[in-house]
Amino acid sequence: MTVQYVGAAAIGAALGVSRHAVHKWRTRYPADSHHPFPVPDVEVDGTPGWRPNRVAEIADWRDGLPGRGSGGGRPTATRQEFIMVAARKGFDRKEALRTIAVFHEEFPEMTEPQLCAWLIEKFSD
């Protein structure tokens, strides 16, 4: 039986960032740092892989980065896109961010990028 793992590109896509951002996190936050990046489950020829069920763990890790608490930090690409779509619908930035927060409370199983993509789709209908 083949075991499936996800790489930096898939983790980046799930979190709304680039593969390069995931690699930078691994470099900036090694195992001996104050906020170490989650260790991969496997490495093949230097390429890391994580079990798919660990994406939420990595999202939680990312949310614990300095400046990310309470909506701080740099927004994900999908959040930025949602804010632009919401602005075209008459929302200001604060209203758009509150919309994300309210829906995240209602659907905690969704990551922010998933939620923003879903909202963008709904706003486009």
C-alpha atoms as a PDB file:
ATOM      1  CA  MET A   1       0.000   0.000   0.000  1.00  0.00           C
ATOM      2  CA  THR A   2       1.323   3.423  -0.959  1.00  0.00           C
ATOM      3  CA  VAL A   3       1.411   6.064   1.769  1.00  0.00           C
ATOM      4  CA  GLN A   4       0.495   9.567   0.607  1.00  0.00           C
ATOM      5  CA  TYR A   5       2.249  12.675   1.909  1.00  0.00           C
ATOM      6  CA  VAL A   6       1.916  16.365   1.069  1.00  0.00           C
ATOM      7  CA  GLY A   7       4.828  18.599   0.232  1.00  0.00           C
ATOM      8  CA  ALA A   8       5.513  22.283   0.649  1.00  0.00           C
ATOM      9  CA  ALA A   9       3.456  23.176  -2.451  1.00  0.00           C
ATOM     10  CA  ALA A  10       0.315  21.445  -1.143  1.00  0.00           C
ATOM     11  CA  ILE A  11       0.761  22.916   2.332  1.00  0.00           C
ATOM     12  CA  GLY A  12       1.227  26.359   0.817  1.00  0.00           C
ATOM     13  CA  ALA A  13      -1.911  25.963  -1.303  1.00  0.00           C
ATOM     14  CA  ALA A  14      -3.929  24.870   1.738  1.00  0.00           C
ATOM     15  CA  LEU A  15      -2.715  27.877   3.725  1.00  0.00           C
ATOM     16  CA  GLY A  16      -2.981  30.384   0.888  1.00  0.00           C
ATOM     17  CA  VAL A  17       0.763  30.978   0.619  1.00  0.00           C
ATOM     18  CA  SER A  18       3.474  29.927  -1.796  1.00  0.00           C
ATOM     19  CA  ARG A  19       5.663  26.838  -1.610  1.00  0.00           C
ATOM     20  CA  HIS A  20       8.539  29.252  -1.114  1.00  0.00           C
ATOM     21  CA  ALA A  21       6.899  30.661   2.042  1.00  0.00           C
ATOM     22  CA  VAL A  22       6.715  27.156   3.534  1.00  0.00           C
ATOM     23  CA  HIS A  23      10.420  26.610   2.785  1.00  0.00           C
ATOM     24  CA  LYS A  24      11.262  29.984   4.361  1.00  0.00           C
ATOM     25  CA  TRP A  25       9.328  29.039   7.517  1.00  0.00           C
ATOM     26  CA  ARG A  26      11.294  25.790   7.789  1.00  0.00           C
ATOM     27  CA  THR A  27      14.561  27.723   7.450  1.00  0.00           C
ATOM     28  CA  ARG A  28      13.611  30.555   9.826  1.00  0.00           C
ATOM     29  CA  TYR A  29      12.092  28.287  12.476  1.00  0.00           C
ATOM     30  CA  PRO A  30      14.335  25.201  12.827  1.00  0.00           C
ATOM     31  CA  ALA A  31      13.843  22.516  15.481  1.00  0.00           C
ATOM     32  CA  ASP A  32      15.968  24.403  18.025  1.00  0.00           C
ATOM     33  CA  SER A  33      14.110  27.739  17.615  1.00  0.00           C
ATOM     34  CA  HIS A  34      11.543  29.258  19.996  1.00  0.00           C
ATOM     35  CA  HIS A  35       8.692  28.341  17.591  1.00  0.00           C
ATOM     36  CA  PRO A  36       9.919  25.335  15.542  1.00  0.00           C
ATOM     37  CA  PHE A  37       8.156  24.461  12.315  1.00  0.00           C
ATOM     38  CA  PRO A  38       6.456  21.033  12.507  1.00  0.00           C
ATOM     39  CA  VAL A  39       8.947  18.318  11.618  1.00  0.00           C
ATOM     40  CA  PRO A  40       8.122  16.434   8.398  1.00  0.00           C
ATOM     41  CA  ASP A  41       6.975  12.831   8.660  1.00  0.00           C
ATOM     42  CA  VAL A  42       9.314  11.799   5.862  1.00  0.00           C
ATOM     43  CA  GLU A  43      12.140  13.201   3.743  1.00  0.00           C
ATOM     44  CA  VAL A  44      13.010  11.690   0.379  1.00  0.00           C
ATOM     45  CA  ASP A  45      16.221  12.979  -1.192  1.00  0.00           C
ATOM     46  CA  GLY A  46      15.938  16.108   0.950  1.00  0.00           C
ATOM     47  CA  THR A  47      12.306  16.768   0.020  1.00  0.00           C
ATOM     48  CA  PRO A  48      10.025  16.955   3.087  1.00  0.00           C
ATOM     49  CA  GLY A  49       6.601  15.366   3.300  1.00  0.00           C
ATOM     50  CA  TRP A  50       3.842  15.540   5.907  1.00  0.00           C
ATOM     51  CA  ARG A  51       0.787  13.364   6.416  1.00  0.00           C
ATOM     52  CA  PRO A  52      -2.245  15.188   4.982  1.00  0.00           C
ATOM     53  CA  ASN A  53      -3.931  15.278   8.406  1.00  0.00           C
ATOM     54  CA  ARG A  54      -1.092  17.493   9.702  1.00  0.00           C
ATOM     55  CA  VAL A  55      -2.035  20.499   7.559  1.00  0.00           C
ATOM     56  CA  ALA A  56      -4.266  21.780  10.397  1.00  0.00           C
ATOM     57  CA  GLU A  57      -1.319  21.444  12.814  1.00  0.00           C
ATOM     58  CA  ILE A  58       0.830  23.493  10.450  1.00  0.00           C
ATOM     59  CA  ALA A  59      -1.948  26.102  10.117  1.00  0.00           C
ATOM     60  CA  ASP A  60      -2.094  26.326  13.926  1.00  0.00           C
ATOM     61  CA  TRP A  61       1.692  26.708  13.995  1.00  0.00           C
ATOM     62  CA  ARG A  62       1.479  29.522  11.434  1.00  0.00           C
ATOM     63  CA  ASP A  63      -1.272  31.234  13.431  1.00  0.00           C
ATOM     64  CA  GLY A  64       1.074  31.246  16.435  1.00  0.00           C
ATOM     65  CA  LEU A  65       3.718  33.296  14.631  1.00  0.00           C
ATOM     66  CA  PRO A  66       4.436  36.709  16.127  1.00  0.00           C
ATOM     67  CA  GLY A  67       1.969  39.292  14.859  1.00  0.00           C
ATOM     68  CA  ARG A  68      -0.601  36.750  13.674  1.00  0.00           C
ATOM     69  CA  GLY A  69      -2.840  36.632  16.748  1.00  0.00           C
ATOM     70  CA  SER A  70      -6.285  38.243  16.570  1.00  0.00           C
ATOM     71  CA  GLY A  71      -6.170  38.758  12.827  1.00  0.00           C
ATOM     72  CA  GLY A  72      -2.729  40.377  12.840  1.00  0.00           C
ATOM     73  CA  GLY A  73       0.126  39.627  10.526  1.00  0.00           C
ATOM     74  CA  ARG A  74       0.154  39.589   6.767  1.00  0.00           C
ATOM     75  CA  PRO A  75      -3.106  38.408   5.256  1.00  0.00           C
ATOM     76  CA  THR A  76      -3.226  35.300   3.104  1.00  0.00           C
ATOM     77  CA  ALA A  77      -3.685  35.697  -0.638  1.00  0.00           C
ATOM     78  CA  THR A  78      -7.242  34.396  -0.413  1.00  0.00           C
ATOM     79  CA  ARG A  79      -8.052  36.836   2.420  1.00  0.00           C
ATOM     80  CA  GLN A  80      -6.735  39.696   0.297  1.00  0.00           C
ATOM     81  CA  GLU A  81      -8.807  38.497  -2.653  1.00  0.00           C
ATOM     82  CA  PHE A  82     -11.931  38.209  -0.481  1.00  0.00           C
ATOM     83  CA  ILE A  83     -11.406  41.743   0.868  1.00  0.00           C
ATOM     84  CA  MET A  84     -11.236  43.040  -2.714  1.00  0.00           C
ATOM     85  CA  VAL A  85     -14.370  41.101  -3.740  1.00  0.00           C
ATOM     86  CA  ALA A  86     -16.193  42.306  -0.604  1.00  0.00           C
ATOM     87  CA  ALA A  87     -15.167  45.899  -1.369  1.00  0.00           C
ATOM     88  CA  ARG A  88     -16.827  45.603  -4.775  1.00  0.00           C
ATOM     89  CA  LYS A  89     -19.977  44.564  -2.885  1.00  0.00           C
ATOM     90  CA  GLY A  90     -19.767  47.665  -0.665  1.00  0.00           C
ATOM     91  CA  PHE A  91     -17.985  46.226   2.404  1.00  0.00           C
ATOM     92  CA  ASP A  92     -15.197  48.189   4.025  1.00  0.00           C
ATOM     93  CA  ARG A  93     -12.112  46.301   5.261  1.00  0.00           C
ATOM     94  CA  LYS A  94     -13.397  46.031   8.833  1.00  0.00           C
ATOM     95  CA  GLU A  95     -16.724  44.573   7.657  1.00  0.00           C
ATOM     96  CA  ALA A  96     -14.954  42.083   5.396  1.00  0.00           C
ATOM     97  CA  LEU A  97     -12.683  40.891   8.220  1.00  0.00           C
ATOM     98  CA  ARG A  98     -15.658  40.613  10.569  1.00  0.00           C
ATOM     99  CA  THR A  99     -17.462  38.511   7.944  1.00  0.00           C
ATOM    100  CA  ILE A 100     -14.508  36.123   7.831  1.00  0.00           C
ATOM    101  CA  ALA A 101     -14.429  35.912  11.634  1.00  0.00           C
ATOM    102  CA  VAL A 102     -18.170  35.237  11.928  1.00  0.00           C
ATOM    103  CA  PHE A 103     -18.124  32.511   9.295  1.00  0.00           C
ATOM    104  CA  HIS A 104     -14.982  30.991  10.851  1.00  0.00           C
ATOM    105  CA  GLU A 105     -16.827  30.718  14.171  1.00  0.00           C
ATOM    106  CA  GLU A 106     -19.701  28.995  12.362  1.00  0.00           C
ATOM    107  CA  PHE A 107     -17.441  26.665  10.326  1.00  0.00           C
ATOM    108  CA  PRO A 108     -14.318  26.052  12.465  1.00  0.00           C
ATOM    109  CA  GLU A 109     -13.386  22.972  10.436  1.00  0.00           C
ATOM    110  CA  MET A 110     -12.553  25.200   7.449  1.00  0.00           C
ATOM    111  CA  THR A 111      -9.185  26.900   7.149  1.00  0.00           C
ATOM    112  CA  GLU A 112      -9.224  30.616   6.453  1.00  0.00           C
ATOM    113  CA  PRO A 113      -8.138  30.120   2.813  1.00  0.00           C
ATOM    114  CA  GLN A 114     -10.948  27.573   2.306  1.00  0.00           C
ATOM    115  CA  LEU A 115     -13.452  29.900   3.941  1.00  0.00           C
ATOM    116  CA  CYS A 116     -12.346  32.906   1.901  1.00  0.00           C
ATOM    117  CA  ALA A 117     -12.497  30.895  -1.334  1.00  0.00           C
ATOM    118  CA  TRP A 118     -16.016  29.742  -0.422  1.00  0.00           C
ATOM    119  CA  LEU A 119     -17.109  33.315   0.376  1.00  0.00           C
ATOM    120  CA  ILE A 120     -15.629  34.590  -2.891  1.00  0.00           C
ATOM    121  CA  GLU A 121     -17.638  31.956  -4.738  1.00  0.00           C
ATOM    122  CA  LYS A 122     -20.829  32.925  -2.880  1.00  0.00           C
ATOM    123  CA  PHE A 123     -20.252  36.640  -3.521  1.00  0.00           C
ATOM    124  CA  SER A 124     -19.786  35.899  -7.223  1.00  0.00           C
ATOM    125  CA  ASP A 125     -23.203  34.214  -7.553  1.00  0.00           C
END
